[in-house]
């Protein structure tokens, strides 16, 4: 009797395991089907790209590529394209910081001050872009054409940019009257936090 009961229990347990295993396989199959791209489209994996290369609260980041018959030229193009993307992102971000900062302060001529801030932004960004750090670089040879394709991702510390911006603003006689570094830094940090989310 004991042997029959344990055989039945073993068979029942194995049956449950088999049903559970089949269910798991169906779930994986459905997940794989859901991840397939639509008909006629192929997913492209871009090197030096993805969430780990996005701007966050600590660093501005940008990535791009360059292609040329010459390896060095491909790299120069990639870095130039990435720096242009980064400059655009920084200018947009700092414009938002300036707008929020100027609007939160009691300043005499807000329009003139905002224009001066933005002018200084371009100077600082141009100066600081030379200090970007390459965080990813992949050189590929393109089949058929023999060209080289370089993928890069670069970053620039948000705090380094803020320090350079502070140094430049502090030297401007018209702006330093109304400029409050702590308030500006607070506004800058809040905007960077939003980008990190």
N, C-alpha and C. Protein backbone atom coordinates (compact mmCIF):
# COMPACT_ATOMS: atom_id res chain seq x y z
N UNK A 1 0.83 -1.18 0.00
CA UNK A 1 0.00 0.00 0.00
C UNK A 1 0.87 1.25 0.00
N UNK A 2 1.91 1.22 0.86
CA UNK A 2 2.80 2.38 0.91
C UNK A 2 3.48 2.61 -0.44
N UNK A 3 3.92 1.55 -1.08
CA UNK A 3 4.60 1.66 -2.35
C UNK A 3 3.67 2.23 -3.41
N UNK A 4 2.43 1.80 -3.44
CA UNK A 4 1.45 2.30 -4.41
C UNK A 4 1.19 3.78 -4.17
N UNK A 5 1.05 4.20 -2.92
CA UNK A 5 0.81 5.60 -2.60
C UNK A 5 2.00 6.46 -3.00
N UNK A 6 3.22 6.00 -2.72
CA UNK A 6 4.38 6.81 -3.08
C UNK A 6 4.57 6.84 -4.59
N UNK A 7 4.20 5.74 -5.32
CA UNK A 7 4.28 5.77 -6.78
C UNK A 7 3.29 6.78 -7.34
N UNK A 8 2.10 6.79 -6.80
CA UNK A 8 1.06 7.73 -7.27
C UNK A 8 1.50 9.16 -6.97
N UNK A 9 2.07 9.38 -5.78
CA UNK A 9 2.55 10.72 -5.42
C UNK A 9 3.68 11.15 -6.35
N UNK A 10 4.59 10.22 -6.66
CA UNK A 10 5.71 10.54 -7.56
C UNK A 10 5.20 10.87 -8.95
N UNK A 11 4.26 10.08 -9.45
CA UNK A 11 3.70 10.32 -10.79
C UNK A 11 2.97 11.66 -10.82
N UNK A 12 2.21 11.95 -9.77
CA UNK A 12 1.47 13.21 -9.71
C UNK A 12 2.46 14.39 -9.67
N UNK A 13 3.53 14.25 -8.89
CA UNK A 13 4.54 15.32 -8.79
C UNK A 13 5.21 15.55 -10.14
N UNK A 14 5.57 14.45 -10.83
CA UNK A 14 6.21 14.57 -12.14
C UNK A 14 5.25 15.20 -13.15
N UNK A 15 3.98 14.87 -13.05
CA UNK A 15 2.96 15.46 -13.94
C UNK A 15 2.88 16.97 -13.72
N UNK A 16 2.89 17.40 -12.45
CA UNK A 16 2.86 18.83 -12.15
C UNK A 16 4.10 19.53 -12.70
N UNK A 17 5.27 18.89 -12.54
CA UNK A 17 6.52 19.47 -13.05
C UNK A 17 6.46 19.62 -14.57
N UNK A 18 5.92 18.62 -15.24
CA UNK A 18 5.82 18.65 -16.70
C UNK A 18 4.89 19.77 -17.15
N UNK A 19 3.75 19.90 -16.51
CA UNK A 19 2.80 20.97 -16.85
C UNK A 19 3.44 22.34 -16.59
N UNK A 20 4.12 22.48 -15.45
CA UNK A 20 4.80 23.74 -15.13
C UNK A 20 5.87 24.07 -16.15
N UNK A 21 6.63 23.07 -16.56
CA UNK A 21 7.70 23.27 -17.56
C UNK A 21 7.14 23.70 -18.90
N UNK A 22 6.04 23.07 -19.32
CA UNK A 22 5.41 23.45 -20.59
C UNK A 22 4.88 24.88 -20.54
N UNK A 23 4.31 25.25 -19.41
CA UNK A 23 3.80 26.62 -19.26
C UNK A 23 4.94 27.63 -19.35
N UNK A 24 6.06 27.31 -18.73
CA UNK A 24 7.21 28.22 -18.76
C UNK A 24 7.73 28.36 -20.18
N UNK A 25 7.77 27.24 -20.92
CA UNK A 25 8.24 27.30 -22.31
C UNK A 25 7.32 28.16 -23.16
N UNK A 26 6.00 28.03 -22.96
CA UNK A 26 5.04 28.85 -23.71
C UNK A 26 5.23 30.33 -23.39
N UNK A 27 5.50 30.64 -22.10
CA UNK A 27 5.71 32.03 -21.69
C UNK A 27 6.94 32.62 -22.35
N UNK A 28 8.03 31.84 -22.42
CA UNK A 28 9.26 32.30 -23.06
C UNK A 28 9.04 32.49 -24.56
N UNK A 29 8.30 31.58 -25.17
CA UNK A 29 8.03 31.67 -26.60
C UNK A 29 7.23 32.94 -26.92
N UNK A 30 6.22 33.23 -26.09
CA UNK A 30 5.42 34.44 -26.28
C UNK A 30 6.26 35.69 -26.10
N UNK A 31 7.16 35.69 -25.11
CA UNK A 31 8.03 36.84 -24.86
C UNK A 31 8.98 37.04 -26.04
N UNK A 32 9.50 35.96 -26.59
CA UNK A 32 10.41 36.06 -27.75
C UNK A 32 9.66 36.59 -28.96
N UNK A 33 8.41 36.14 -29.16
CA UNK A 33 7.61 36.63 -30.28
C UNK A 33 7.29 38.11 -30.12
N UNK A 34 7.02 38.54 -28.90
CA UNK A 34 6.70 39.94 -28.64
C UNK A 34 7.91 40.84 -28.89
N UNK A 35 9.13 40.32 -28.72
CA UNK A 35 10.34 41.11 -28.89
C UNK A 35 10.77 41.21 -30.35
N UNK A 36 10.17 40.42 -31.24
CA UNK A 36 10.54 40.45 -32.65
C UNK A 36 10.08 41.78 -33.26
N UNK A 37 10.93 42.36 -34.14
CA UNK A 37 10.52 43.59 -34.81
C UNK A 37 9.40 43.31 -35.82
N UNK A 38 8.66 44.33 -36.19
CA UNK A 38 7.58 44.16 -37.16
C UNK A 38 8.13 43.63 -38.50
N UNK A 39 7.28 43.03 -39.27
CA UNK A 39 7.65 42.47 -40.57
C UNK A 39 8.25 43.56 -41.46
N UNK A 40 9.35 43.23 -42.12
CA UNK A 40 10.00 44.18 -43.02
C UNK A 40 10.99 45.11 -42.33
N UNK A 41 11.15 44.95 -41.00
CA UNK A 41 12.08 45.79 -40.26
C UNK A 41 13.11 44.90 -39.57
N UNK A 42 14.32 45.42 -39.47
CA UNK A 42 15.41 44.70 -38.81
C UNK A 42 15.99 45.60 -37.73
N UNK A 43 16.15 45.06 -36.55
CA UNK A 43 16.73 45.84 -35.45
C UNK A 43 18.21 46.09 -35.72
N UNK A 44 18.64 47.32 -35.48
CA UNK A 44 20.04 47.69 -35.68
C UNK A 44 20.65 47.95 -34.32
N UNK A 45 21.76 47.30 -34.04
CA UNK A 45 22.46 47.50 -32.77
C UNK A 45 23.53 48.57 -33.00
N UNK A 46 23.35 49.75 -32.42
CA UNK A 46 24.30 50.85 -32.60
C UNK A 46 25.34 50.78 -31.49
N UNK A 47 26.60 50.71 -31.89
CA UNK A 47 27.69 50.62 -30.92
C UNK A 47 27.81 51.93 -30.14
N UNK A 48 28.32 51.86 -28.93
CA UNK A 48 28.53 53.02 -28.04
C UNK A 48 27.22 53.79 -27.82
N UNK A 49 26.13 53.08 -27.77
CA UNK A 49 24.82 53.70 -27.60
C UNK A 49 24.02 52.90 -26.58
N UNK A 50 23.02 53.53 -26.00
CA UNK A 50 22.17 52.85 -25.03
C UNK A 50 22.12 53.62 -23.73
N UNK A 51 21.34 53.14 -22.78
CA UNK A 51 21.11 53.87 -21.53
C UNK A 51 22.38 54.27 -20.76
N UNK A 52 23.42 53.44 -20.82
CA UNK A 52 24.64 53.79 -20.07
C UNK A 52 25.39 54.96 -20.72
N UNK A 53 24.96 55.37 -21.90
CA UNK A 53 25.59 56.50 -22.60
C UNK A 53 24.66 57.72 -22.66
N UNK A 54 23.60 57.73 -21.86
CA UNK A 54 22.69 58.88 -21.80
C UNK A 54 23.19 59.88 -20.77
N UNK A 55 22.84 61.15 -20.97
CA UNK A 55 23.15 62.19 -20.00
C UNK A 55 22.42 61.87 -18.69
N UNK A 56 23.12 62.08 -17.57
CA UNK A 56 22.48 61.91 -16.27
C UNK A 56 22.77 63.14 -15.42
N UNK A 57 22.47 63.07 -14.12
CA UNK A 57 22.64 64.25 -13.27
C UNK A 57 24.10 64.64 -13.04
N UNK A 58 25.04 63.77 -13.37
CA UNK A 58 26.46 64.07 -13.13
C UNK A 58 27.24 64.41 -14.40
N UNK A 59 26.80 63.90 -15.54
CA UNK A 59 27.56 64.07 -16.78
C UNK A 59 26.66 64.32 -17.99
N UNK A 60 27.14 65.20 -18.85
CA UNK A 60 26.54 65.33 -20.17
C UNK A 60 27.20 64.26 -21.03
N UNK A 61 26.41 63.56 -21.84
CA UNK A 61 26.97 62.53 -22.71
C UNK A 61 26.37 62.67 -24.11
N UNK A 62 27.16 62.26 -25.10
CA UNK A 62 26.67 62.24 -26.48
C UNK A 62 27.41 61.14 -27.22
N UNK A 63 26.77 60.60 -28.24
CA UNK A 63 27.42 59.59 -29.06
C UNK A 63 27.08 59.85 -30.53
N UNK A 64 27.98 59.40 -31.40
CA UNK A 64 27.76 59.57 -32.82
C UNK A 64 28.75 58.70 -33.57
N UNK A 65 28.75 58.81 -34.89
CA UNK A 65 29.66 58.02 -35.70
C UNK A 65 30.23 58.85 -36.83
N UNK A 66 31.30 58.37 -37.41
CA UNK A 66 31.91 59.00 -38.57
C UNK A 66 32.43 57.92 -39.49
N UNK A 67 32.35 58.17 -40.79
CA UNK A 67 32.81 57.17 -41.75
C UNK A 67 33.74 57.83 -42.76
N UNK A 68 34.81 57.11 -43.10
CA UNK A 68 35.78 57.62 -44.06
C UNK A 68 36.64 56.46 -44.58
N UNK A 69 37.35 56.72 -45.69
CA UNK A 69 38.30 55.74 -46.21
C UNK A 69 39.52 55.67 -45.29
N UNK A 70 39.72 56.72 -44.49
CA UNK A 70 40.87 56.82 -43.60
C UNK A 70 40.42 56.65 -42.14
N UNK A 71 41.13 55.82 -41.39
CA UNK A 71 40.76 55.56 -39.99
C UNK A 71 40.75 56.83 -39.15
N UNK A 72 41.80 57.64 -39.24
CA UNK A 72 41.91 58.85 -38.41
C UNK A 72 40.79 59.83 -38.75
N UNK A 73 40.45 59.94 -40.03
CA UNK A 73 39.38 60.85 -40.43
C UNK A 73 38.03 60.37 -39.92
N UNK A 74 37.81 59.06 -39.94
CA UNK A 74 36.56 58.50 -39.42
C UNK A 74 36.41 58.86 -37.94
N UNK A 75 37.51 58.75 -37.19
CA UNK A 75 37.48 59.08 -35.76
C UNK A 75 37.23 60.57 -35.55
N UNK A 76 37.91 61.43 -36.33
CA UNK A 76 37.71 62.87 -36.21
C UNK A 76 36.26 63.25 -36.49
N UNK A 77 35.68 62.64 -37.53
CA UNK A 77 34.28 62.93 -37.87
C UNK A 77 33.35 62.51 -36.74
N UNK A 78 33.60 61.32 -36.18
CA UNK A 78 32.75 60.82 -35.09
C UNK A 78 32.83 61.75 -33.89
N UNK A 79 34.05 62.16 -33.51
CA UNK A 79 34.21 63.06 -32.36
C UNK A 79 33.58 64.43 -32.64
N UNK A 80 33.75 64.93 -33.84
CA UNK A 80 33.16 66.22 -34.20
C UNK A 80 31.63 66.16 -34.13
N UNK A 81 31.06 65.08 -34.66
CA UNK A 81 29.60 64.92 -34.62
C UNK A 81 29.09 64.79 -33.19
N UNK A 82 29.81 64.01 -32.37
CA UNK A 82 29.40 63.82 -30.97
C UNK A 82 29.50 65.15 -30.20
N UNK A 83 30.57 65.92 -30.43
CA UNK A 83 30.72 67.21 -29.75
C UNK A 83 29.62 68.19 -30.18
N UNK A 84 29.25 68.16 -31.44
CA UNK A 84 28.16 69.03 -31.92
C UNK A 84 26.85 68.66 -31.22
N UNK A 85 26.59 67.36 -31.09
CA UNK A 85 25.38 66.91 -30.38
C UNK A 85 25.42 67.35 -28.92
N UNK A 86 26.60 67.19 -28.29
CA UNK A 86 26.73 67.57 -26.89
C UNK A 86 26.55 69.07 -26.71
N UNK A 87 27.14 69.87 -27.58
CA UNK A 87 27.02 71.32 -27.50
C UNK A 87 25.55 71.73 -27.58
N UNK A 88 24.82 71.11 -28.48
CA UNK A 88 23.40 71.41 -28.64
C UNK A 88 22.62 71.05 -27.37
N UNK A 89 22.92 69.88 -26.80
CA UNK A 89 22.23 69.45 -25.57
C UNK A 89 22.56 70.37 -24.41
N UNK A 90 23.83 70.76 -24.28
CA UNK A 90 24.24 71.65 -23.19
C UNK A 90 23.57 73.02 -23.34
N UNK A 91 23.58 73.55 -24.57
CA UNK A 91 22.96 74.86 -24.79
C UNK A 91 21.48 74.84 -24.43
N UNK A 92 20.79 73.78 -24.80
CA UNK A 92 19.37 73.65 -24.46
C UNK A 92 19.18 73.59 -22.95
N UNK A 93 20.01 72.77 -22.29
CA UNK A 93 19.92 72.60 -20.85
C UNK A 93 20.22 73.90 -20.11
N UNK A 94 21.31 74.56 -20.49
CA UNK A 94 21.71 75.78 -19.80
C UNK A 94 20.72 76.90 -20.07
N UNK A 95 20.12 76.92 -21.26
CA UNK A 95 19.08 77.93 -21.53
C UNK A 95 17.92 77.76 -20.56
N UNK A 96 17.54 76.52 -20.30
CA UNK A 96 16.48 76.24 -19.34
C UNK A 96 16.89 76.69 -17.94
N UNK A 97 18.15 76.43 -17.56
CA UNK A 97 18.66 76.85 -16.25
C UNK A 97 18.61 78.38 -16.15
N UNK A 98 19.08 79.05 -17.19
CA UNK A 98 19.11 80.52 -17.19
C UNK A 98 17.70 81.08 -17.08
N UNK A 99 16.78 80.55 -17.88
CA UNK A 99 15.39 81.03 -17.83
C UNK A 99 14.82 80.89 -16.42
N UNK A 100 15.02 79.72 -15.83
CA UNK A 100 14.50 79.49 -14.47
C UNK A 100 15.20 80.36 -13.44
N UNK A 101 16.51 80.51 -13.58
CA UNK A 101 17.29 81.32 -12.64
C UNK A 101 16.90 82.79 -12.74
N UNK A 102 16.88 83.33 -13.95
CA UNK A 102 16.56 84.75 -14.15
C UNK A 102 15.14 85.05 -13.68
N UNK A 103 14.20 84.16 -13.98
CA UNK A 103 12.81 84.38 -13.56
C UNK A 103 12.63 84.27 -12.05
N UNK A 104 13.51 83.55 -11.37
CA UNK A 104 13.38 83.41 -9.92
C UNK A 104 14.05 84.56 -9.17
N UNK A 105 14.80 85.38 -9.86
CA UNK A 105 15.54 86.48 -9.23
C UNK A 105 14.88 87.83 -9.52
N UNK A 106 15.11 88.78 -8.66
CA UNK A 106 14.65 90.15 -8.88
C UNK A 106 15.78 90.90 -9.57
N UNK A 107 15.72 90.98 -10.88
CA UNK A 107 16.79 91.63 -11.64
C UNK A 107 16.19 92.79 -12.42
N UNK A 108 17.04 93.80 -12.67
CA UNK A 108 16.57 95.01 -13.33
C UNK A 108 16.09 94.76 -14.76
N UNK A 109 16.96 94.35 -15.63
CA UNK A 109 16.59 94.14 -17.02
C UNK A 109 16.78 92.66 -17.35
N UNK A 110 15.72 91.88 -17.15
CA UNK A 110 15.82 90.42 -17.28
C UNK A 110 16.23 89.99 -18.69
N UNK A 111 15.71 90.67 -19.71
CA UNK A 111 16.04 90.29 -21.09
C UNK A 111 17.52 90.46 -21.38
N UNK A 112 18.07 91.61 -21.01
CA UNK A 112 19.49 91.88 -21.27
C UNK A 112 20.37 90.89 -20.51
N UNK A 113 20.01 90.62 -19.27
CA UNK A 113 20.79 89.69 -18.45
C UNK A 113 20.72 88.28 -19.04
N UNK A 114 19.54 87.86 -19.46
CA UNK A 114 19.39 86.53 -20.07
C UNK A 114 20.25 86.43 -21.33
N UNK A 115 20.27 87.48 -22.15
CA UNK A 115 21.09 87.48 -23.37
C UNK A 115 22.57 87.38 -23.03
N UNK A 116 23.01 88.09 -22.00
CA UNK A 116 24.42 88.05 -21.61
C UNK A 116 24.77 86.66 -21.08
N UNK A 117 23.88 86.07 -20.29
CA UNK A 117 24.10 84.70 -19.79
C UNK A 117 24.28 83.74 -20.97
N UNK A 118 23.38 83.85 -21.95
CA UNK A 118 23.41 82.94 -23.09
C UNK A 118 24.68 83.13 -23.92
N UNK A 119 25.13 84.38 -24.07
CA UNK A 119 26.37 84.65 -24.79
C UNK A 119 27.56 83.99 -24.10
N UNK A 120 27.58 84.10 -22.78
CA UNK A 120 28.65 83.47 -22.02
C UNK A 120 28.57 81.95 -22.10
N UNK A 121 27.37 81.43 -22.20
CA UNK A 121 27.19 79.98 -22.31
C UNK A 121 27.91 79.46 -23.54
N UNK A 122 27.74 80.13 -24.68
CA UNK A 122 28.40 79.69 -25.90
C UNK A 122 29.92 79.68 -25.73
N UNK A 123 30.46 80.71 -25.09
CA UNK A 123 31.91 80.78 -24.87
C UNK A 123 32.38 79.62 -23.98
N UNK A 124 31.67 79.40 -22.90
CA UNK A 124 32.06 78.35 -21.95
C UNK A 124 31.96 76.97 -22.61
N UNK A 125 30.87 76.73 -23.33
CA UNK A 125 30.67 75.43 -23.97
C UNK A 125 31.78 75.19 -24.99
N UNK A 126 32.09 76.19 -25.82
CA UNK A 126 33.16 76.03 -26.81
C UNK A 126 34.48 75.71 -26.12
N UNK A 127 34.75 76.37 -25.02
CA UNK A 127 35.99 76.15 -24.27
C UNK A 127 36.01 74.75 -23.64
N UNK A 128 34.91 74.32 -23.03
CA UNK A 128 34.88 73.07 -22.28
C UNK A 128 34.78 71.83 -23.17
N UNK A 129 34.26 71.96 -24.39
CA UNK A 129 34.12 70.79 -25.25
C UNK A 129 35.46 70.15 -25.58
N UNK A 130 36.51 70.92 -25.49
CA UNK A 130 37.84 70.34 -25.73
C UNK A 130 38.23 69.42 -24.57
N UNK A 131 37.56 69.52 -23.45
CA UNK A 131 37.86 68.69 -22.28
C UNK A 131 36.97 67.48 -22.15
N UNK A 132 36.27 67.11 -23.21
CA UNK A 132 35.42 65.93 -23.13
C UNK A 132 36.28 64.68 -23.03
N UNK A 133 35.69 63.67 -22.45
CA UNK A 133 36.39 62.40 -22.25
C UNK A 133 35.68 61.33 -23.09
N UNK A 134 36.45 60.55 -23.84
CA UNK A 134 35.87 59.46 -24.64
C UNK A 134 35.60 58.28 -23.71
N UNK A 135 34.35 57.83 -23.67
CA UNK A 135 34.00 56.71 -22.79
C UNK A 135 33.72 55.42 -23.57
N UNK A 136 33.63 55.54 -24.89
CA UNK A 136 33.46 54.36 -25.74
C UNK A 136 33.96 54.71 -27.13
N UNK A 137 34.69 53.79 -27.72
CA UNK A 137 35.16 53.97 -29.10
C UNK A 137 35.27 52.61 -29.75
N UNK A 138 34.62 52.45 -30.88
CA UNK A 138 34.67 51.19 -31.65
C UNK A 138 34.95 51.54 -33.10
N UNK A 139 36.00 50.96 -33.66
CA UNK A 139 36.36 51.18 -35.06
C UNK A 139 35.98 49.93 -35.83
N UNK A 140 35.24 50.11 -36.90
CA UNK A 140 34.79 48.99 -37.72
C UNK A 140 35.24 49.21 -39.17
N UNK A 141 35.48 48.11 -39.88
CA UNK A 141 35.78 48.19 -41.31
C UNK A 141 34.52 47.73 -42.04
N UNK A 142 34.04 48.55 -42.96
CA UNK A 142 32.79 48.28 -43.67
C UNK A 142 33.08 47.33 -44.83
N UNK A 143 32.39 46.18 -44.83
CA UNK A 143 32.56 45.22 -45.92
C UNK A 143 32.11 45.85 -47.24
N UNK A 144 32.80 45.51 -48.29
CA UNK A 144 32.41 46.02 -49.61
C UNK A 144 33.10 47.33 -49.95
N UNK A 145 32.87 48.36 -49.16
CA UNK A 145 33.44 49.68 -49.48
C UNK A 145 34.88 49.82 -48.99
N UNK A 146 35.25 49.08 -47.96
CA UNK A 146 36.59 49.20 -47.40
C UNK A 146 36.74 50.43 -46.52
N UNK A 147 35.64 51.18 -46.33
CA UNK A 147 35.69 52.36 -45.46
C UNK A 147 35.79 51.94 -44.00
N UNK A 148 36.18 52.91 -43.19
CA UNK A 148 36.20 52.72 -41.74
C UNK A 148 35.03 53.48 -41.16
N UNK A 149 34.42 52.88 -40.16
CA UNK A 149 33.32 53.54 -39.45
C UNK A 149 33.69 53.54 -37.97
N UNK A 150 33.71 54.74 -37.38
CA UNK A 150 34.07 54.88 -35.98
C UNK A 150 32.85 55.31 -35.17
N UNK A 151 32.57 54.59 -34.11
CA UNK A 151 31.49 54.92 -33.19
C UNK A 151 32.13 55.45 -31.91
N UNK A 152 31.65 56.57 -31.40
CA UNK A 152 32.20 57.11 -30.15
C UNK A 152 31.08 57.57 -29.23
N UNK A 153 31.39 57.58 -27.95
CA UNK A 153 30.54 58.20 -26.93
C UNK A 153 31.48 59.04 -26.07
N UNK A 154 31.05 60.25 -25.77
CA UNK A 154 31.87 61.16 -24.98
C UNK A 154 31.07 61.67 -23.79
N UNK A 155 31.78 62.18 -22.79
CA UNK A 155 31.09 62.77 -21.65
C UNK A 155 31.86 63.98 -21.15
N UNK A 156 31.12 64.84 -20.47
CA UNK A 156 31.69 66.04 -19.86
C UNK A 156 31.02 66.19 -18.49
N UNK A 157 31.83 66.35 -17.48
CA UNK A 157 31.31 66.48 -16.12
C UNK A 157 30.45 67.74 -16.00
N UNK A 158 29.25 67.58 -15.48
CA UNK A 158 28.35 68.71 -15.28
C UNK A 158 28.94 69.69 -14.28
N UNK A 159 29.62 69.18 -13.25
CA UNK A 159 30.22 70.06 -12.24
C UNK A 159 31.40 70.85 -12.80
N UNK A 160 32.17 70.23 -13.72
CA UNK A 160 33.27 70.97 -14.38
C UNK A 160 32.70 72.10 -15.23
N UNK A 161 31.61 71.81 -15.92
CA UNK A 161 30.97 72.84 -16.74
C UNK A 161 30.44 73.96 -15.85
N UNK A 162 29.81 73.60 -14.74
CA UNK A 162 29.28 74.59 -13.81
C UNK A 162 30.40 75.46 -13.25
N UNK A 163 31.54 74.85 -12.90
CA UNK A 163 32.67 75.61 -12.36
C UNK A 163 33.21 76.60 -13.40
N UNK A 164 33.33 76.16 -14.65
CA UNK A 164 33.81 77.05 -15.72
C UNK A 164 32.81 78.18 -15.96
N UNK A 165 31.55 77.85 -15.88
CA UNK A 165 30.49 78.84 -16.08
C UNK A 165 30.53 79.87 -14.94
N UNK A 166 30.69 79.39 -13.72
CA UNK A 166 30.78 80.27 -12.56
C UNK A 166 31.98 81.21 -12.67
N UNK A 167 33.13 80.66 -13.09
CA UNK A 167 34.33 81.47 -13.23
C UNK A 167 34.11 82.59 -14.25
N UNK A 168 33.48 82.24 -15.37
CA UNK A 168 33.24 83.22 -16.44
C UNK A 168 32.22 84.27 -16.00
N UNK A 169 31.16 83.84 -15.33
CA UNK A 169 30.12 84.79 -14.87
C UNK A 169 30.67 85.74 -13.81
N UNK A 170 31.53 85.23 -12.96
CA UNK A 170 32.09 86.05 -11.88
C UNK A 170 32.98 87.16 -12.41
N UNK A 171 33.50 86.99 -13.63
CA UNK A 171 34.39 88.00 -14.21
C UNK A 171 33.62 89.05 -15.01
N UNK A 172 32.35 88.83 -15.24
CA UNK A 172 31.56 89.78 -16.02
C UNK A 172 31.01 90.86 -15.09
N UNK A 173 31.49 92.10 -15.26
CA UNK A 173 31.14 93.20 -14.35
C UNK A 173 29.63 93.44 -14.26
N UNK A 174 28.93 93.38 -15.38
CA UNK A 174 27.49 93.65 -15.35
C UNK A 174 26.72 92.53 -14.65
N UNK A 175 27.13 91.29 -14.91
CA UNK A 175 26.39 90.16 -14.36
C UNK A 175 26.70 89.87 -12.90
N UNK A 176 27.93 90.11 -12.47
CA UNK A 176 28.29 89.70 -11.11
C UNK A 176 27.51 90.49 -10.04
N UNK A 177 26.93 91.63 -10.41
CA UNK A 177 26.10 92.39 -9.47
C UNK A 177 24.87 91.58 -9.08
N UNK A 178 24.25 90.93 -10.08
CA UNK A 178 23.01 90.18 -9.85
C UNK A 178 23.22 88.68 -9.70
N UNK A 179 24.45 88.22 -9.88
CA UNK A 179 24.72 86.79 -9.91
C UNK A 179 24.88 86.20 -8.51
N UNK A 180 24.14 85.14 -8.23
CA UNK A 180 24.21 84.42 -6.95
C UNK A 180 24.57 82.97 -7.27
N UNK A 181 25.83 82.60 -7.04
CA UNK A 181 26.32 81.27 -7.42
C UNK A 181 25.48 80.16 -6.80
N UNK A 182 25.19 80.25 -5.52
CA UNK A 182 24.46 79.17 -4.84
C UNK A 182 23.07 78.97 -5.46
N UNK A 183 22.41 80.06 -5.76
CA UNK A 183 21.07 79.98 -6.37
C UNK A 183 21.19 79.40 -7.79
N UNK A 184 22.21 79.85 -8.53
CA UNK A 184 22.42 79.34 -9.88
C UNK A 184 22.74 77.85 -9.84
N UNK A 185 23.61 77.43 -8.92
CA UNK A 185 23.99 76.02 -8.78
C UNK A 185 22.77 75.18 -8.43
N UNK A 186 21.94 75.67 -7.54
CA UNK A 186 20.72 74.95 -7.15
C UNK A 186 19.82 74.74 -8.37
N UNK A 187 19.64 75.79 -9.17
CA UNK A 187 18.81 75.71 -10.37
C UNK A 187 19.44 74.73 -11.36
N UNK A 188 20.75 74.81 -11.54
CA UNK A 188 21.48 73.93 -12.45
C UNK A 188 21.31 72.47 -12.02
N UNK A 189 21.52 72.18 -10.74
CA UNK A 189 21.41 70.81 -10.23
C UNK A 189 20.00 70.25 -10.41
N UNK A 190 18.98 71.08 -10.21
CA UNK A 190 17.59 70.62 -10.40
C UNK A 190 17.35 70.23 -11.85
N UNK A 191 17.86 71.04 -12.78
CA UNK A 191 17.69 70.73 -14.20
C UNK A 191 18.45 69.46 -14.59
N UNK A 192 19.62 69.26 -14.00
CA UNK A 192 20.39 68.04 -14.28
C UNK A 192 19.68 66.80 -13.73
N UNK A 193 19.06 66.95 -12.58
CA UNK A 193 18.30 65.84 -12.01
C UNK A 193 17.19 65.40 -12.95
N UNK A 194 16.50 66.39 -13.54
CA UNK A 194 15.42 66.07 -14.49
C UNK A 194 15.96 65.28 -15.68
N UNK A 195 17.15 65.64 -16.14
CA UNK A 195 17.73 64.93 -17.29
C UNK A 195 18.10 63.51 -16.94
N UNK A 196 18.47 63.28 -15.69
CA UNK A 196 18.86 61.95 -15.26
C UNK A 196 17.70 60.98 -15.12
N UNK A 197 16.48 61.51 -15.18
CA UNK A 197 15.29 60.65 -15.01
C UNK A 197 14.71 60.21 -16.33
